[in-house]
């Protein structure tokens, strides 16, 4: 079962599906997220792309709160 109910809508007339992977109330710990169920649910809605957002801090002074950063390295445990 996915982390939460899917939210279907449009952004600039493009069909989109939103899924709170930690639950809307952020009650699911990262180690307990059922990623397979989440991907399966998105696939069932015929999603062709997955865009994921995250929040974290930085030790670089030039990166300020509110800046948008596209990562080029990722550690997946």
N, C-alpha and C. Protein backbone atom coordinates (compact mmCIF):
# COMPACT_ATOMS: atom_id res chain seq x y z
N UNK A 1 0.85 -1.17 0.00
CA UNK A 1 0.00 0.00 0.00
C UNK A 1 0.90 1.23 0.00
N UNK A 2 0.60 2.23 -0.87
CA UNK A 2 1.44 3.42 -0.93
C UNK A 2 1.39 4.24 0.35
N UNK A 3 2.31 5.17 0.48
CA UNK A 3 2.45 5.98 1.69
C UNK A 3 1.22 6.81 2.01
N UNK A 4 0.49 7.23 0.99
CA UNK A 4 -0.70 8.07 1.18
C UNK A 4 -1.53 8.02 -0.09
N UNK A 5 -2.69 8.63 -0.03
CA UNK A 5 -3.54 8.71 -1.22
C UNK A 5 -2.87 9.59 -2.26
N UNK A 6 -3.04 9.23 -3.52
CA UNK A 6 -2.51 10.03 -4.61
C UNK A 6 -3.39 11.25 -4.81
N UNK A 7 -2.76 12.37 -5.15
CA UNK A 7 -3.49 13.60 -5.44
C UNK A 7 -3.30 13.87 -6.93
N UNK A 8 -4.40 13.84 -7.68
CA UNK A 8 -4.34 14.07 -9.12
C UNK A 8 -4.74 15.49 -9.43
N UNK A 9 -4.03 16.11 -10.37
CA UNK A 9 -4.35 17.47 -10.76
C UNK A 9 -3.55 17.87 -11.98
N UNK A 10 -3.52 19.16 -12.23
CA UNK A 10 -2.79 19.69 -13.37
C UNK A 10 -1.91 20.85 -12.91
N UNK A 11 -0.73 20.93 -13.51
CA UNK A 11 0.16 22.07 -13.33
C UNK A 11 0.43 22.62 -14.72
N UNK A 12 -0.03 23.86 -14.98
CA UNK A 12 0.08 24.48 -16.31
C UNK A 12 -0.44 23.53 -17.38
N UNK A 13 -1.60 22.95 -17.13
CA UNK A 13 -2.32 22.07 -18.06
C UNK A 13 -1.62 20.73 -18.33
N UNK A 14 -0.68 20.35 -17.46
CA UNK A 14 -0.02 19.05 -17.55
C UNK A 14 -0.54 18.18 -16.42
N UNK A 15 -1.03 16.99 -16.76
CA UNK A 15 -1.52 16.06 -15.73
C UNK A 15 -0.39 15.71 -14.78
N UNK A 16 -0.66 15.79 -13.48
CA UNK A 16 0.35 15.49 -12.46
C UNK A 16 -0.27 14.66 -11.35
N UNK A 17 0.55 13.88 -10.71
CA UNK A 17 0.15 13.08 -9.56
C UNK A 17 1.11 13.38 -8.42
N UNK A 18 0.59 13.75 -7.28
CA UNK A 18 1.42 14.03 -6.11
C UNK A 18 1.26 12.90 -5.09
N UNK A 19 2.35 12.54 -4.46
CA UNK A 19 2.33 11.50 -3.43
C UNK A 19 3.26 11.92 -2.30
N UNK A 20 2.74 12.04 -1.11
CA UNK A 20 3.55 12.37 0.06
C UNK A 20 4.22 11.08 0.53
N UNK A 21 5.49 10.90 0.18
CA UNK A 21 6.12 9.60 0.44
C UNK A 21 6.31 9.30 1.92
N UNK A 22 6.26 10.31 2.77
CA UNK A 22 6.33 10.08 4.22
C UNK A 22 4.95 10.23 4.86
N UNK A 23 3.91 10.29 4.03
CA UNK A 23 2.55 10.52 4.52
C UNK A 23 2.30 12.01 4.66
N UNK A 24 1.07 12.44 4.49
CA UNK A 24 0.75 13.87 4.56
C UNK A 24 1.07 14.47 5.92
N UNK A 25 1.00 13.67 6.95
CA UNK A 25 1.33 14.15 8.30
C UNK A 25 2.77 13.82 8.68
N UNK A 26 3.54 13.37 7.71
CA UNK A 26 4.95 12.99 7.90
C UNK A 26 5.10 11.99 9.05
N UNK A 27 4.32 10.92 8.98
CA UNK A 27 4.31 9.91 10.03
C UNK A 27 5.12 8.66 9.68
N UNK A 28 5.62 8.57 8.46
CA UNK A 28 6.36 7.38 8.03
C UNK A 28 7.85 7.70 8.02
N UNK A 29 8.62 6.99 8.81
CA UNK A 29 10.07 7.18 8.87
C UNK A 29 10.70 6.74 7.54
N UNK A 30 11.81 7.36 7.13
CA UNK A 30 12.42 7.00 5.85
C UNK A 30 12.69 5.51 5.68
N UNK A 31 13.08 4.83 6.73
CA UNK A 31 13.36 3.40 6.61
C UNK A 31 12.09 2.57 6.45
N UNK A 32 10.92 3.17 6.69
CA UNK A 32 9.66 2.43 6.59
C UNK A 32 8.85 2.79 5.35
N UNK A 33 9.36 3.67 4.50
CA UNK A 33 8.64 4.04 3.29
C UNK A 33 8.61 2.83 2.35
N UNK A 34 7.42 2.48 1.88
CA UNK A 34 7.28 1.36 0.96
C UNK A 34 7.46 1.90 -0.47
N UNK A 35 8.72 2.02 -0.88
CA UNK A 35 9.03 2.62 -2.18
C UNK A 35 8.43 1.83 -3.33
N UNK A 36 8.44 0.53 -3.22
CA UNK A 36 7.88 -0.30 -4.31
C UNK A 36 6.39 -0.04 -4.48
N UNK A 37 5.67 0.06 -3.38
CA UNK A 37 4.24 0.34 -3.46
C UNK A 37 4.00 1.74 -4.01
N UNK A 38 4.84 2.69 -3.64
CA UNK A 38 4.69 4.05 -4.16
C UNK A 38 4.90 4.08 -5.67
N UNK A 39 5.96 3.44 -6.15
CA UNK A 39 6.23 3.41 -7.59
C UNK A 39 5.12 2.65 -8.31
N UNK A 40 4.65 1.57 -7.73
CA UNK A 40 3.56 0.80 -8.34
C UNK A 40 2.31 1.66 -8.48
N UNK A 41 1.97 2.42 -7.44
CA UNK A 41 0.78 3.28 -7.48
C UNK A 41 0.92 4.34 -8.56
N UNK A 42 2.12 4.92 -8.70
CA UNK A 42 2.34 5.91 -9.75
C UNK A 42 2.26 5.28 -11.13
N UNK A 43 2.77 4.07 -11.26
CA UNK A 43 2.69 3.35 -12.53
C UNK A 43 1.24 3.05 -12.89
N UNK A 44 0.45 2.69 -11.90
CA UNK A 44 -0.98 2.42 -12.14
C UNK A 44 -1.72 3.66 -12.65
N UNK A 45 -1.21 4.84 -12.32
CA UNK A 45 -1.79 6.11 -12.81
C UNK A 45 -1.15 6.55 -14.12
N UNK A 46 -0.34 5.67 -14.71
CA UNK A 46 0.33 5.92 -15.99
C UNK A 46 1.31 7.09 -15.94
N UNK A 47 1.97 7.27 -14.81
CA UNK A 47 3.00 8.31 -14.71
C UNK A 47 4.20 7.89 -15.55
N UNK A 48 4.74 8.84 -16.29
CA UNK A 48 5.91 8.54 -17.13
C UNK A 48 7.20 9.09 -16.54
N UNK A 49 7.11 10.04 -15.61
CA UNK A 49 8.28 10.64 -14.98
C UNK A 49 8.03 10.77 -13.49
N UNK A 50 9.11 10.72 -12.72
CA UNK A 50 9.03 10.94 -11.28
C UNK A 50 10.01 12.06 -10.93
N UNK A 51 9.50 13.10 -10.29
CA UNK A 51 10.33 14.20 -9.83
C UNK A 51 10.20 14.23 -8.31
N UNK A 52 11.32 14.21 -7.63
CA UNK A 52 11.31 14.12 -6.17
C UNK A 52 11.96 15.36 -5.59
N UNK A 53 11.34 15.90 -4.55
CA UNK A 53 11.93 17.03 -3.86
C UNK A 53 12.41 16.57 -2.48
N UNK A 54 13.37 17.29 -1.97
CA UNK A 54 13.88 17.00 -0.65
C UNK A 54 14.36 18.30 -0.01
N UNK A 55 14.56 18.28 1.26
CA UNK A 55 15.06 19.47 1.95
C UNK A 55 16.27 19.06 2.78
N UNK A 56 17.31 19.87 2.74
CA UNK A 56 18.49 19.60 3.54
C UNK A 56 19.26 20.91 3.71
N UNK A 57 20.25 20.87 4.54
CA UNK A 57 21.07 22.05 4.78
C UNK A 57 22.34 22.00 3.97
N UNK A 58 23.10 23.07 4.03
CA UNK A 58 24.37 23.14 3.32
C UNK A 58 25.39 23.85 4.22
N UNK A 59 26.64 23.49 4.07
CA UNK A 59 27.72 24.16 4.80
C UNK A 59 28.39 25.22 3.93
N UNK A 60 27.88 25.44 2.72
CA UNK A 60 28.44 26.43 1.82
C UNK A 60 27.72 27.76 2.00
N UNK A 61 28.47 28.81 2.31
CA UNK A 61 27.88 30.12 2.58
C UNK A 61 27.11 30.67 1.39
N UNK A 62 27.53 30.34 0.15
CA UNK A 62 26.85 30.89 -1.03
C UNK A 62 25.49 30.25 -1.28
N UNK A 63 25.18 29.16 -0.60
CA UNK A 63 23.86 28.53 -0.71
C UNK A 63 23.03 28.97 0.48
N UNK A 64 22.03 29.77 0.20
CA UNK A 64 21.21 30.38 1.24
C UNK A 64 19.89 29.64 1.40
N UNK A 65 19.23 29.76 2.57
CA UNK A 65 17.90 29.17 2.74
C UNK A 65 16.96 29.68 1.63
N UNK A 66 16.22 28.75 1.04
CA UNK A 66 15.30 29.10 -0.04
C UNK A 66 15.89 28.91 -1.43
N UNK A 67 17.21 28.70 -1.54
CA UNK A 67 17.83 28.44 -2.84
C UNK A 67 17.41 27.07 -3.35
N UNK A 68 17.27 26.96 -4.66
CA UNK A 68 16.96 25.70 -5.32
C UNK A 68 18.26 25.15 -5.90
N UNK A 69 18.61 23.93 -5.53
CA UNK A 69 19.85 23.31 -5.98
C UNK A 69 19.51 21.99 -6.66
N UNK A 70 20.08 21.79 -7.84
CA UNK A 70 19.93 20.51 -8.54
C UNK A 70 21.19 19.70 -8.24
N UNK A 71 21.02 18.55 -7.61
CA UNK A 71 22.19 17.75 -7.22
C UNK A 71 22.76 16.99 -8.41
N UNK A 72 24.06 16.74 -8.37
CA UNK A 72 24.70 15.92 -9.40
C UNK A 72 25.35 14.68 -8.80
N UNK A 73 25.19 14.51 -7.49
CA UNK A 73 25.67 13.31 -6.81
C UNK A 73 24.60 12.88 -5.82
N UNK A 74 24.45 11.58 -5.64
CA UNK A 74 23.42 11.08 -4.75
C UNK A 74 23.91 9.79 -4.12
N UNK A 75 23.77 9.68 -2.82
CA UNK A 75 24.12 8.45 -2.12
C UNK A 75 22.82 7.73 -1.78
N UNK A 76 22.65 6.53 -2.31
CA UNK A 76 21.44 5.75 -2.07
C UNK A 76 21.82 4.56 -1.19
N UNK A 77 21.24 4.53 0.01
CA UNK A 77 21.58 3.41 0.86
C UNK A 77 20.70 2.26 0.52
